[in-house]
């Protein structure tokens, strides 16, 4: 089985910045990680990995997160 090539450092940095924006928007909306994860639905550990920048979320997941938190998708991925 071929090994995947890790993304370049600048991609990882952008992923972490996106996670930071998601976290800030979630907290501003007054939600816990568990509350957002339950509404998506997604397990909390996976959601946490997105906020930490350790996982590359699918576009559908980002759309759902933005909808639950109540912010435009563009605010999370600017």
N, C-alpha and C. Protein backbone atom coordinates (compact mmCIF):
# COMPACT_ATOMS: atom_id res chain seq x y z
N UNK A 1 0.84 -1.17 0.00
CA UNK A 1 0.00 0.00 0.00
C UNK A 1 0.90 1.24 0.00
N UNK A 2 0.67 2.19 -0.92
CA UNK A 2 1.52 3.38 -0.98
C UNK A 2 1.28 4.30 0.22
N UNK A 3 2.34 4.93 0.66
CA UNK A 3 2.24 5.87 1.77
C UNK A 3 1.87 7.24 1.24
N UNK A 4 1.02 7.92 1.96
CA UNK A 4 0.64 9.26 1.52
C UNK A 4 1.75 10.25 1.90
N UNK A 5 1.89 11.25 1.09
CA UNK A 5 2.89 12.29 1.32
C UNK A 5 2.27 13.32 2.27
N UNK A 6 2.95 13.67 3.34
CA UNK A 6 2.39 14.67 4.25
C UNK A 6 2.30 16.03 3.56
N UNK A 7 1.33 16.84 3.96
CA UNK A 7 1.19 18.16 3.34
C UNK A 7 2.36 19.06 3.70
N UNK A 8 2.63 20.07 2.89
CA UNK A 8 3.70 21.02 3.21
C UNK A 8 3.38 21.77 4.50
N UNK A 9 4.42 22.31 5.11
CA UNK A 9 4.26 23.03 6.38
C UNK A 9 3.26 24.18 6.29
N UNK A 10 3.24 24.88 5.16
CA UNK A 10 2.34 26.02 5.05
C UNK A 10 0.88 25.56 5.06
N UNK A 11 0.60 24.37 4.55
CA UNK A 11 -0.76 23.83 4.58
C UNK A 11 -1.15 23.49 6.01
N UNK A 12 -0.23 22.88 6.74
CA UNK A 12 -0.50 22.55 8.14
C UNK A 12 -0.73 23.83 8.95
N UNK A 13 0.04 24.88 8.68
CA UNK A 13 -0.14 26.16 9.37
C UNK A 13 -1.52 26.75 9.08
N UNK A 14 -1.96 26.68 7.83
CA UNK A 14 -3.29 27.19 7.48
C UNK A 14 -4.39 26.35 8.13
N UNK A 15 -4.17 25.03 8.21
CA UNK A 15 -5.15 24.14 8.86
C UNK A 15 -5.28 24.51 10.34
N UNK A 16 -4.15 24.78 11.00
CA UNK A 16 -4.19 25.17 12.41
C UNK A 16 -4.88 26.52 12.59
N UNK A 17 -4.62 27.45 11.68
CA UNK A 17 -5.28 28.76 11.76
C UNK A 17 -6.79 28.61 11.58
N UNK A 18 -7.20 27.72 10.69
CA UNK A 18 -8.63 27.46 10.51
C UNK A 18 -9.22 26.88 11.79
N UNK A 19 -8.51 25.94 12.40
CA UNK A 19 -8.96 25.37 13.66
C UNK A 19 -9.09 26.42 14.75
N UNK A 20 -8.15 27.35 14.78
CA UNK A 20 -8.22 28.46 15.76
C UNK A 20 -9.46 29.31 15.54
N UNK A 21 -9.79 29.59 14.26
CA UNK A 21 -10.98 30.39 13.96
C UNK A 21 -12.25 29.62 14.33
N UNK A 22 -12.26 28.31 14.07
CA UNK A 22 -13.42 27.50 14.45
C UNK A 22 -13.60 27.54 15.97
N UNK A 23 -12.52 27.35 16.71
CA UNK A 23 -12.58 27.36 18.17
C UNK A 23 -13.10 28.71 18.68
N UNK A 24 -12.56 29.80 18.15
CA UNK A 24 -12.98 31.14 18.59
C UNK A 24 -14.46 31.38 18.29
N UNK A 25 -14.91 30.98 17.12
CA UNK A 25 -16.32 31.16 16.75
C UNK A 25 -17.22 30.29 17.62
N UNK A 26 -16.79 29.08 17.90
CA UNK A 26 -17.57 28.18 18.76
C UNK A 26 -17.72 28.76 20.15
N UNK A 27 -16.61 29.24 20.71
CA UNK A 27 -16.66 29.81 22.06
C UNK A 27 -17.50 31.08 22.09
N UNK A 28 -17.39 31.91 21.05
CA UNK A 28 -18.19 33.13 20.99
C UNK A 28 -19.68 32.81 20.92
N UNK A 29 -20.01 31.68 20.29
CA UNK A 29 -21.41 31.26 20.19
C UNK A 29 -21.89 30.55 21.45
N UNK A 30 -20.97 30.26 22.37
CA UNK A 30 -21.34 29.66 23.63
C UNK A 30 -21.53 28.14 23.59
N UNK A 31 -20.89 27.48 22.63
CA UNK A 31 -21.01 26.03 22.51
C UNK A 31 -19.76 25.33 23.04
N UNK A 32 -19.95 24.12 23.54
CA UNK A 32 -18.82 23.25 23.86
C UNK A 32 -18.50 22.43 22.62
N UNK A 33 -17.34 21.80 22.60
CA UNK A 33 -17.01 20.91 21.49
C UNK A 33 -18.05 19.79 21.39
N UNK A 34 -18.45 19.25 22.52
CA UNK A 34 -19.43 18.16 22.54
C UNK A 34 -20.75 18.59 21.92
N UNK A 35 -21.21 19.79 22.23
CA UNK A 35 -22.48 20.28 21.69
C UNK A 35 -22.42 20.40 20.17
N UNK A 36 -21.34 20.96 19.66
CA UNK A 36 -21.20 21.09 18.21
C UNK A 36 -21.11 19.71 17.56
N UNK A 37 -20.29 18.86 18.12
CA UNK A 37 -20.10 17.52 17.56
C UNK A 37 -21.41 16.75 17.51
N UNK A 38 -22.22 16.85 18.54
CA UNK A 38 -23.51 16.14 18.56
C UNK A 38 -24.47 16.65 17.49
N UNK A 39 -24.40 17.95 17.19
CA UNK A 39 -25.31 18.54 16.20
C UNK A 39 -24.89 18.25 14.76
N UNK A 40 -23.65 17.84 14.54
CA UNK A 40 -23.17 17.68 13.15
C UNK A 40 -23.71 16.43 12.46
N UNK A 41 -23.71 15.25 12.89
CA UNK A 41 -23.05 14.60 14.00
C UNK A 41 -21.64 14.14 13.67
N UNK A 42 -20.81 14.17 14.69
CA UNK A 42 -19.40 13.77 14.58
C UNK A 42 -18.95 13.43 15.99
N UNK A 43 -18.03 12.49 16.12
CA UNK A 43 -17.57 12.23 17.48
C UNK A 43 -16.68 13.39 17.95
N UNK A 44 -16.71 13.64 19.26
CA UNK A 44 -16.01 14.79 19.81
C UNK A 44 -14.51 14.74 19.56
N UNK A 45 -13.93 13.55 19.57
CA UNK A 45 -12.49 13.43 19.34
C UNK A 45 -12.11 13.90 17.94
N UNK A 46 -12.92 13.56 16.96
CA UNK A 46 -12.66 14.01 15.59
C UNK A 46 -12.82 15.53 15.50
N UNK A 47 -13.87 16.04 16.12
CA UNK A 47 -14.08 17.49 16.13
C UNK A 47 -12.89 18.20 16.77
N UNK A 48 -12.41 17.66 17.88
CA UNK A 48 -11.25 18.23 18.56
C UNK A 48 -10.03 18.25 17.65
N UNK A 49 -9.82 17.17 16.90
CA UNK A 49 -8.68 17.11 15.98
C UNK A 49 -8.78 18.19 14.91
N UNK A 50 -9.99 18.52 14.48
CA UNK A 50 -10.18 19.61 13.50
C UNK A 50 -9.79 20.94 14.13
N UNK A 51 -10.29 21.21 15.34
CA UNK A 51 -9.95 22.46 16.02
C UNK A 51 -8.45 22.58 16.29
N UNK A 52 -7.80 21.47 16.58
CA UNK A 52 -6.37 21.49 16.87
C UNK A 52 -5.52 21.56 15.60
N UNK A 53 -6.14 21.38 14.45
CA UNK A 53 -5.40 21.40 13.19
C UNK A 53 -4.70 20.10 12.89
N UNK A 54 -5.07 19.03 13.59
CA UNK A 54 -4.46 17.72 13.37
C UNK A 54 -5.18 16.90 12.33
N UNK A 55 -6.37 17.32 11.94
CA UNK A 55 -7.15 16.60 10.93
C UNK A 55 -7.60 17.58 9.86
N UNK A 56 -7.60 17.11 8.63
CA UNK A 56 -8.08 17.92 7.51
C UNK A 56 -9.56 17.60 7.30
N UNK A 57 -10.45 18.52 7.68
CA UNK A 57 -11.88 18.23 7.59
C UNK A 57 -12.37 18.25 6.14
N UNK A 58 -13.40 17.47 5.89
CA UNK A 58 -14.08 17.52 4.60
C UNK A 58 -14.82 18.84 4.49
N UNK A 59 -15.03 19.29 3.28
CA UNK A 59 -15.79 20.52 3.06
C UNK A 59 -17.17 20.41 3.69
N UNK A 60 -17.82 19.25 3.54
CA UNK A 60 -19.13 19.07 4.15
C UNK A 60 -19.09 19.29 5.65
N UNK A 61 -18.05 18.81 6.30
CA UNK A 61 -17.92 19.00 7.75
C UNK A 61 -17.77 20.48 8.10
N UNK A 62 -16.98 21.20 7.33
CA UNK A 62 -16.81 22.64 7.58
C UNK A 62 -18.13 23.38 7.39
N UNK A 63 -18.89 23.00 6.37
CA UNK A 63 -20.20 23.62 6.14
C UNK A 63 -21.12 23.36 7.33
N UNK A 64 -21.14 22.13 7.81
CA UNK A 64 -21.98 21.79 8.96
C UNK A 64 -21.55 22.54 10.22
N UNK A 65 -20.25 22.61 10.46
CA UNK A 65 -19.74 23.32 11.63
C UNK A 65 -20.15 24.79 11.57
N UNK A 66 -19.95 25.43 10.43
CA UNK A 66 -20.32 26.84 10.27
C UNK A 66 -21.81 27.04 10.53
N UNK A 67 -22.63 26.12 10.02
CA UNK A 67 -24.07 26.22 10.20
C UNK A 67 -24.46 26.10 11.67
N UNK A 68 -23.88 25.13 12.37
CA UNK A 68 -24.20 24.93 13.79
C UNK A 68 -23.77 26.13 14.62
N UNK A 69 -22.57 26.63 14.35
CA UNK A 69 -22.04 27.75 15.13
C UNK A 69 -22.73 29.06 14.75
N UNK A 70 -23.26 29.12 13.53
CA UNK A 70 -23.98 30.31 13.09
C UNK A 70 -23.10 31.38 12.48
N UNK A 71 -22.06 30.95 11.77
CA UNK A 71 -21.17 31.90 11.10
C UNK A 71 -21.05 31.51 9.63
N UNK A 72 -20.73 32.47 8.77
CA UNK A 72 -20.50 32.11 7.37
C UNK A 72 -19.27 31.20 7.24
N UNK A 73 -19.32 30.28 6.31
CA UNK A 73 -18.19 29.39 6.07
C UNK A 73 -16.92 30.18 5.81
N UNK A 74 -17.04 31.27 5.07
CA UNK A 74 -15.87 32.09 4.73
C UNK A 74 -15.16 32.62 5.97
N UNK A 75 -15.88 32.82 7.06
CA UNK A 75 -15.26 33.30 8.30
C UNK A 75 -14.31 32.25 8.89
N UNK A 76 -14.61 30.99 8.65
CA UNK A 76 -13.79 29.93 9.21
C UNK A 76 -12.57 29.62 8.35
N UNK A 77 -12.67 29.84 7.05
CA UNK A 77 -11.59 29.41 6.15
C UNK A 77 -10.92 30.56 5.41
N UNK A 78 -11.08 31.77 5.89
CA UNK A 78 -10.52 32.94 5.19
C UNK A 78 -9.06 32.81 4.90
